[in-house]
PDB file of N, CA and C in Angstrom:
ATOM      1  N   MET A   1     -19.081  29.795 -15.045  1.00  0.00           N
ATOM      2  CA  MET A   1     -18.859  28.443 -15.515  1.00  0.00           C
ATOM      3  C   MET A   1     -19.978  27.549 -15.003  1.00  0.00           C
ATOM      4  N   THR A   2     -20.572  26.809 -15.896  1.00  0.00           N
ATOM      5  CA  THR A   2     -21.692  25.953 -15.550  1.00  0.00           C
ATOM      6  C   THR A   2     -21.190  24.607 -15.042  1.00  0.00           C
ATOM      7  N   SER A   3     -21.820  24.140 -13.982  1.00  0.00           N
ATOM      8  CA  SER A   3     -21.476  22.848 -13.411  1.00  0.00           C
ATOM      9  C   SER A   3     -22.298  21.772 -14.103  1.00  0.00           C
ATOM     10  N   ILE A   4     -21.625  20.798 -14.701  1.00  0.00           N
ATOM     11  CA  ILE A   4     -22.303  19.724 -15.417  1.00  0.00           C
ATOM     12  C   ILE A   4     -22.236  18.468 -14.560  1.00  0.00           C
ATOM     13  N   LEU A   5     -23.403  17.969 -14.127  1.00  0.00           N
ATOM     14  CA  LEU A   5     -23.459  16.746 -13.332  1.00  0.00           C
ATOM     15  C   LEU A   5     -23.832  15.576 -14.225  1.00  0.00           C
ATOM     16  N   LEU A   6     -23.068  14.502 -14.092  1.00  0.00           N
ATOM     17  CA  LEU A   6     -23.279  13.319 -14.912  1.00  0.00           C
ATOM     18  C   LEU A   6     -23.372  12.091 -14.030  1.00  0.00           C
ATOM     19  N   ASN A   7     -24.119  11.089 -14.483  1.00  0.00           N
ATOM     20  CA  ASN A   7     -24.079   9.811 -13.783  1.00  0.00           C
ATOM     21  C   ASN A   7     -22.883   9.026 -14.321  1.00  0.00           C
ATOM     22  N   GLY A   8     -22.644   7.841 -13.815  1.00  0.00           N
ATOM     23  CA  GLY A   8     -21.467   7.071 -14.200  1.00  0.00           C
ATOM     24  C   GLY A   8     -21.415   6.737 -15.680  1.00  0.00           C
ATOM     25  N   LYS A   9     -22.536   6.345 -16.247  1.00  0.00           N
ATOM     26  CA  LYS A   9     -22.582   5.983 -17.661  1.00  0.00           C
ATOM     27  C   LYS A   9     -22.273   7.193 -18.538  1.00  0.00           C
ATOM     28  N   GLN A  10     -22.857   8.332 -18.200  1.00  0.00           N
ATOM     29  CA  GLN A  10     -22.621   9.545 -18.966  1.00  0.00           C
ATOM     30  C   GLN A  10     -21.161   9.992 -18.856  1.00  0.00           C
ATOM     31  N   LEU A  11     -20.581   9.857 -17.658  1.00  0.00           N
ATOM     32  CA  LEU A  11     -19.181  10.238 -17.466  1.00  0.00           C
ATOM     33  C   LEU A  11     -18.264   9.351 -18.314  1.00  0.00           C
ATOM     34  N   CYS A  12     -18.534   8.057 -18.328  1.00  0.00           N
ATOM     35  CA  CYS A  12     -17.737   7.138 -19.147  1.00  0.00           C
ATOM     36  C   CYS A  12     -17.802   7.530 -20.621  1.00  0.00           C
ATOM     37  N   GLU A  13     -18.980   7.920 -21.086  1.00  0.00           N
ATOM     38  CA  GLU A  13     -19.131   8.336 -22.480  1.00  0.00           C
ATOM     39  C   GLU A  13     -18.380   9.634 -22.750  1.00  0.00           C
ATOM     40  N   GLN A  14     -18.453  10.593 -21.816  1.00  0.00           N
ATOM     41  CA  GLN A  14     -17.777  11.877 -21.984  1.00  0.00           C
ATOM     42  C   GLN A  14     -16.255  11.717 -22.023  1.00  0.00           C
ATOM     43  N   LEU A  15     -15.731  10.870 -21.136  1.00  0.00           N
ATOM     44  CA  LEU A  15     -14.280  10.703 -21.026  1.00  0.00           C
ATOM     45  C   LEU A  15     -13.741   9.584 -21.913  1.00  0.00           C
ATOM     46  N   ASN A  16     -14.648   8.851 -22.545  1.00  0.00           N
ATOM     47  CA  ASN A  16     -14.269   7.717 -23.388  1.00  0.00           C
ATOM     48  C   ASN A  16     -13.473   6.678 -22.588  1.00  0.00           C
ATOM     49  N   ILE A  17     -14.039   6.271 -21.442  1.00  0.00           N
ATOM     50  CA  ILE A  17     -13.400   5.274 -20.582  1.00  0.00           C
ATOM     51  C   ILE A  17     -14.383   4.142 -20.299  1.00  0.00           C
ATOM     52  N   SER A  18     -13.862   3.031 -19.810  1.00  0.00           N
ATOM     53  CA  SER A  18     -14.716   1.898 -19.444  1.00  0.00           C
ATOM     54  C   SER A  18     -15.209   2.080 -18.010  1.00  0.00           C
ATOM     55  N   THR A  19     -16.218   1.321 -17.635  1.00  0.00           N
ATOM     56  CA  THR A  19     -16.694   1.377 -16.253  1.00  0.00           C
ATOM     57  C   THR A  19     -15.637   0.828 -15.298  1.00  0.00           C
ATOM     58  N   THR A  20     -14.825  -0.121 -15.772  1.00  0.00           N
ATOM     59  CA  THR A  20     -13.740  -0.650 -14.944  1.00  0.00           C
ATOM     60  C   THR A  20     -12.763   0.456 -14.587  1.00  0.00           C
ATOM     61  N   LEU A  21     -12.398   1.278 -15.567  1.00  0.00           N
ATOM     62  CA  LEU A  21     -11.484   2.381 -15.307  1.00  0.00           C
ATOM     63  C   LEU A  21     -12.138   3.427 -14.412  1.00  0.00           C
ATOM     64  N   LEU A  22     -13.432   3.643 -14.568  1.00  0.00           N
ATOM     65  CA  LEU A  22     -14.156   4.575 -13.692  1.00  0.00           C
ATOM     66  C   LEU A  22     -14.018   4.139 -12.233  1.00  0.00           C
ATOM     67  N   TYR A  23     -14.210   2.847 -11.965  1.00  0.00           N
ATOM     68  CA  TYR A  23     -14.109   2.361 -10.594  1.00  0.00           C
ATOM     69  C   TYR A  23     -12.674   2.413 -10.077  1.00  0.00           C
ATOM     70  N   LYS A  24     -11.691   2.221 -10.953  1.00  0.00           N
ATOM     71  CA  LYS A  24     -10.291   2.371 -10.543  1.00  0.00           C
ATOM     72  C   LYS A  24     -10.005   3.816 -10.163  1.00  0.00           C
ATOM     73  N   PHE A  25     -10.543   4.764 -10.946  1.00  0.00           N
ATOM     74  CA  PHE A  25     -10.377   6.183 -10.621  1.00  0.00           C
ATOM     75  C   PHE A  25     -11.038   6.513  -9.283  1.00  0.00           C
ATOM     76  N   ARG A  26     -12.244   5.987  -9.053  1.00  0.00           N
ATOM     77  CA  ARG A  26     -12.929   6.240  -7.773  1.00  0.00           C
ATOM     78  C   ARG A  26     -12.124   5.703  -6.605  1.00  0.00           C
ATOM     79  N   LYS A  27     -11.553   4.515  -6.771  1.00  0.00           N
ATOM     80  CA  LYS A  27     -10.740   3.915  -5.713  1.00  0.00           C
ATOM     81  C   LYS A  27      -9.487   4.751  -5.456  1.00  0.00           C
ATOM     82  N   ALA A  28      -8.992   5.417  -6.497  1.00  0.00           N
ATOM     83  CA  ALA A  28      -7.801   6.253  -6.382  1.00  0.00           C
ATOM     84  C   ALA A  28      -8.110   7.634  -5.799  1.00  0.00           C
ATOM     85  N   GLY A  29      -9.396   7.929  -5.555  1.00  0.00           N
ATOM     86  CA  GLY A  29      -9.753   9.188  -4.906  1.00  0.00           C
ATOM     87  C   GLY A  29     -10.487  10.190  -5.760  1.00  0.00           C
ATOM     88  N   MET A  30     -11.002   9.780  -6.890  1.00  0.00           N
ATOM     89  CA  MET A  30     -11.743  10.691  -7.756  1.00  0.00           C
ATOM     90  C   MET A  30     -12.974  11.225  -7.013  1.00  0.00           C
ATOM     91  N   PRO A  31     -13.217  12.545  -7.072  1.00  0.00           N
ATOM     92  CA  PRO A  31     -14.358  13.117  -6.340  1.00  0.00           C
ATOM     93  C   PRO A  31     -15.697  12.766  -6.985  1.00  0.00           C
ATOM     94  N   TYR A  32     -16.678  12.531  -6.127  1.00  0.00           N
ATOM     95  CA  TYR A  32     -18.047  12.306  -6.605  1.00  0.00           C
ATOM     96  C   TYR A  32     -19.011  12.757  -5.527  1.00  0.00           C
ATOM     97  N   HIS A  33     -20.256  12.923  -5.894  1.00  0.00           N
ATOM     98  CA  HIS A  33     -21.297  13.379  -4.978  1.00  0.00           C
ATOM     99  C   HIS A  33     -22.379  12.317  -4.943  1.00  0.00           C
ATOM    100  N   GLN A  34     -22.920  12.078  -3.747  1.00  0.00           N
ATOM    101  CA  GLN A  34     -23.928  11.032  -3.615  1.00  0.00           C
ATOM    102  C   GLN A  34     -24.888  11.370  -2.490  1.00  0.00           C
ATOM    103  N   LEU A  35     -26.168  11.286  -2.778  1.00  0.00           N
ATOM    104  CA  LEU A  35     -27.183  11.417  -1.744  1.00  0.00           C
ATOM    105  C   LEU A  35     -27.285  10.071  -1.032  1.00  0.00           C
ATOM    106  N   PRO A  36     -27.757  10.062   0.222  1.00  0.00           N
ATOM    107  CA  PRO A  36     -27.874   8.770   0.920  1.00  0.00           C
ATOM    108  C   PRO A  36     -28.694   7.769   0.116  1.00  0.00           C
ATOM    109  N   HIS A  37     -28.162   6.595  -0.052  1.00  0.00           N
ATOM    110  CA  HIS A  37     -28.816   5.491  -0.767  1.00  0.00           C
ATOM    111  C   HIS A  37     -29.110   5.816  -2.233  1.00  0.00           C
ATOM    112  N   GLY A  38     -28.383   6.772  -2.794  1.00  0.00           N
ATOM    113  CA  GLY A  38     -28.585   7.131  -4.190  1.00  0.00           C
ATOM    114  C   GLY A  38     -27.351   6.826  -5.012  1.00  0.00           C
ATOM    115  N   ARG A  39     -27.484   7.019  -6.305  1.00  0.00           N
ATOM    116  CA  ARG A  39     -26.339   6.777  -7.181  1.00  0.00           C
ATOM    117  C   ARG A  39     -25.373   7.947  -7.132  1.00  0.00           C
ATOM    118  N   ALA A  40     -24.168   7.685  -7.527  1.00  0.00           N
ATOM    119  CA  ALA A  40     -23.127   8.713  -7.522  1.00  0.00           C
ATOM    120  C   ALA A  40     -23.289   9.612  -8.750  1.00  0.00           C
ATOM    121  N   TYR A  41     -23.025  10.896  -8.548  1.00  0.00           N
ATOM    122  CA  TYR A  41     -23.004  11.862  -9.629  1.00  0.00           C
ATOM    123  C   TYR A  41     -21.654  12.533  -9.647  1.00  0.00           C
ATOM    124  N   TYR A  42     -21.217  12.924 -10.828  1.00  0.00           N
ATOM    125  CA  TYR A  42     -19.888  13.473 -11.014  1.00  0.00           C
ATOM    126  C   TYR A  42     -19.983  14.847 -11.656  1.00  0.00           C
ATOM    127  N   ASN A  43     -19.217  15.795 -11.123  1.00  0.00           N
ATOM    128  CA  ASN A  43     -19.112  17.121 -11.705  1.00  0.00           C
ATOM    129  C   ASN A  43     -17.991  17.053 -12.734  1.00  0.00           C
ATOM    130  N   LEU A  44     -18.308  17.273 -13.998  1.00  0.00           N
ATOM    131  CA  LEU A  44     -17.350  17.094 -15.073  1.00  0.00           C
ATOM    132  C   LEU A  44     -16.105  17.972 -14.886  1.00  0.00           C
ATOM    133  N   ASN A  45     -16.282  19.219 -14.440  1.00  0.00           N
ATOM    134  CA  ASN A  45     -15.137  20.105 -14.237  1.00  0.00           C
ATOM    135  C   ASN A  45     -14.236  19.597 -13.114  1.00  0.00           C
ATOM    136  N   GLU A  46     -14.825  19.132 -12.014  1.00  0.00           N
ATOM    137  CA  GLU A  46     -14.035  18.573 -10.907  1.00  0.00           C
ATOM    138  C   GLU A  46     -13.253  17.345 -11.361  1.00  0.00           C
ATOM    139  N   ILE A  47     -13.883  16.504 -12.167  1.00  0.00           N
ATOM    140  CA  ILE A  47     -13.242  15.279 -12.625  1.00  0.00           C
ATOM    141  C   ILE A  47     -12.053  15.600 -13.516  1.00  0.00           C
ATOM    142  N   LYS A  48     -12.230  16.512 -14.456  1.00  0.00           N
ATOM    143  CA  LYS A  48     -11.124  16.867 -15.349  1.00  0.00           C
ATOM    144  C   LYS A  48      -9.973  17.493 -14.569  1.00  0.00           C
ATOM    145  N   GLU A  49     -10.277  18.337 -13.583  1.00  0.00           N
ATOM    146  CA  GLU A  49      -9.225  18.923 -12.742  1.00  0.00           C
ATOM    147  C   GLU A  49      -8.511  17.837 -11.950  1.00  0.00           C
ATOM    148  N   TRP A  50      -9.270  16.892 -11.385  1.00  0.00           N
ATOM    149  CA  TRP A  50      -8.664  15.810 -10.612  1.00  0.00           C
ATOM    150  C   TRP A  50      -7.770  14.949 -11.491  1.00  0.00           C
ATOM    151  N   LEU A  51      -8.225  14.629 -12.691  1.00  0.00           N
ATOM    152  CA  LEU A  51      -7.439  13.792 -13.598  1.00  0.00           C
ATOM    153  C   LEU A  51      -6.102  14.449 -13.935  1.00  0.00           C
ATOM    154  N   THR A  52      -6.115  15.743 -14.239  1.00  0.00           N
ATOM    155  CA  THR A  52      -4.860  16.406 -14.578  1.00  0.00           C
ATOM    156  C   THR A  52      -3.957  16.549 -13.361  1.00  0.00           C
ATOM    157  N   SER A  53      -4.530  16.828 -12.194  1.00  0.00           N
ATOM    158  CA  SER A  53      -3.701  16.955 -10.988  1.00  0.00           C
ATOM    159  C   SER A  53      -3.156  15.606 -10.533  1.00  0.00           C
ATOM    160  N   ALA A  54      -3.850  14.506 -10.879  1.00  0.00           N
ATOM    161  CA  ALA A  54      -3.382  13.163 -10.523  1.00  0.00           C
ATOM    162  C   ALA A  54      -2.377  12.632 -11.534  1.00  0.00           C
ATOM    163  N   GLY A  55      -2.084  13.418 -12.572  1.00  0.00           N
ATOM    164  CA  GLY A  55      -1.071  13.029 -13.530  1.00  0.00           C
ATOM    165  C   GLY A  55      -1.578  12.318 -14.769  1.00  0.00           C
ATOM    166  N   TYR A  56      -2.877  12.303 -14.985  1.00  0.00           N
ATOM    167  CA  TYR A  56      -3.438  11.659 -16.169  1.00  0.00           C
ATOM    168  C   TYR A  56      -3.517  12.679 -17.310  1.00  0.00           C
ATOM    169  N   HIS A  57      -3.407  12.194 -18.514  1.00  0.00           N
ATOM    170  CA  HIS A  57      -3.565  13.050 -19.684  1.00  0.00           C
ATOM    171  C   HIS A  57      -4.375  12.278 -20.728  1.00  0.00           C
ATOM    172  N   GLN A  58      -4.947  13.016 -21.642  1.00  0.00           N
ATOM    173  CA  GLN A  58      -5.823  12.376 -22.623  1.00  0.00           C
ATOM    174  C   GLN A  58      -5.247  12.524 -24.023  1.00  0.00           C
ATOM    175  N   GLU A  59      -4.999  11.389 -24.640  1.00  0.00           N
ATOM    176  CA  GLU A  59      -4.676  11.374 -26.074  1.00  0.00           C
ATOM    177  C   GLU A  59      -5.917  10.821 -26.760  1.00  0.00           C
ATOM    178  N   LYS A  60      -6.125   9.519 -26.652  1.00  0.00           N
ATOM    179  CA  LYS A  60      -7.393   8.933 -27.081  1.00  0.00           C
ATOM    180  C   LYS A  60      -8.209   8.567 -25.854  1.00  0.00           C
ATOM    181  N   THR A  61      -7.527   7.998 -24.850  1.00  0.00           N
ATOM    182  CA  THR A  61      -8.157   7.698 -23.567  1.00  0.00           C
ATOM    183  C   THR A  61      -7.285   8.290 -22.479  1.00  0.00           C
ATOM    184  N   TRP A  62      -7.795   8.343 -21.274  1.00  0.00           N
ATOM    185  CA  TRP A  62      -7.048   8.902 -20.143  1.00  0.00           C
ATOM    186  C   TRP A  62      -6.017   7.902 -19.681  1.00  0.00           C
ATOM    187  N   SER A  63      -4.765   8.325 -19.597  1.00  0.00           N
ATOM    188  CA  SER A  63      -3.695   7.447 -19.137  1.00  0.00           C
ATOM    189  C   SER A  63      -2.607   8.281 -18.487  1.00  0.00           C
ATOM    190  N   LYS A  64      -1.688   7.596 -17.808  1.00  0.00           N
ATOM    191  CA  LYS A  64      -0.559   8.276 -17.167  1.00  0.00           C
ATOM    192  C   LYS A  64       0.629   8.235 -18.064  1.00  0.00           C
TER     193      LYS A  64
END
């Protein structure tokens, strides 16, 4: 399985979510990777696993 790393904008496009919802997910404990003083990157597989384990599901957008 290939690990797909995305920046915040790309993740929002992939999941069809707003940046506001992205930051709410991060505050709720969504995993991300960051080098010192760099931007955050997200592993798409980790994010999808976290969303389902946190009780979110996707119809048109991710919601509980």
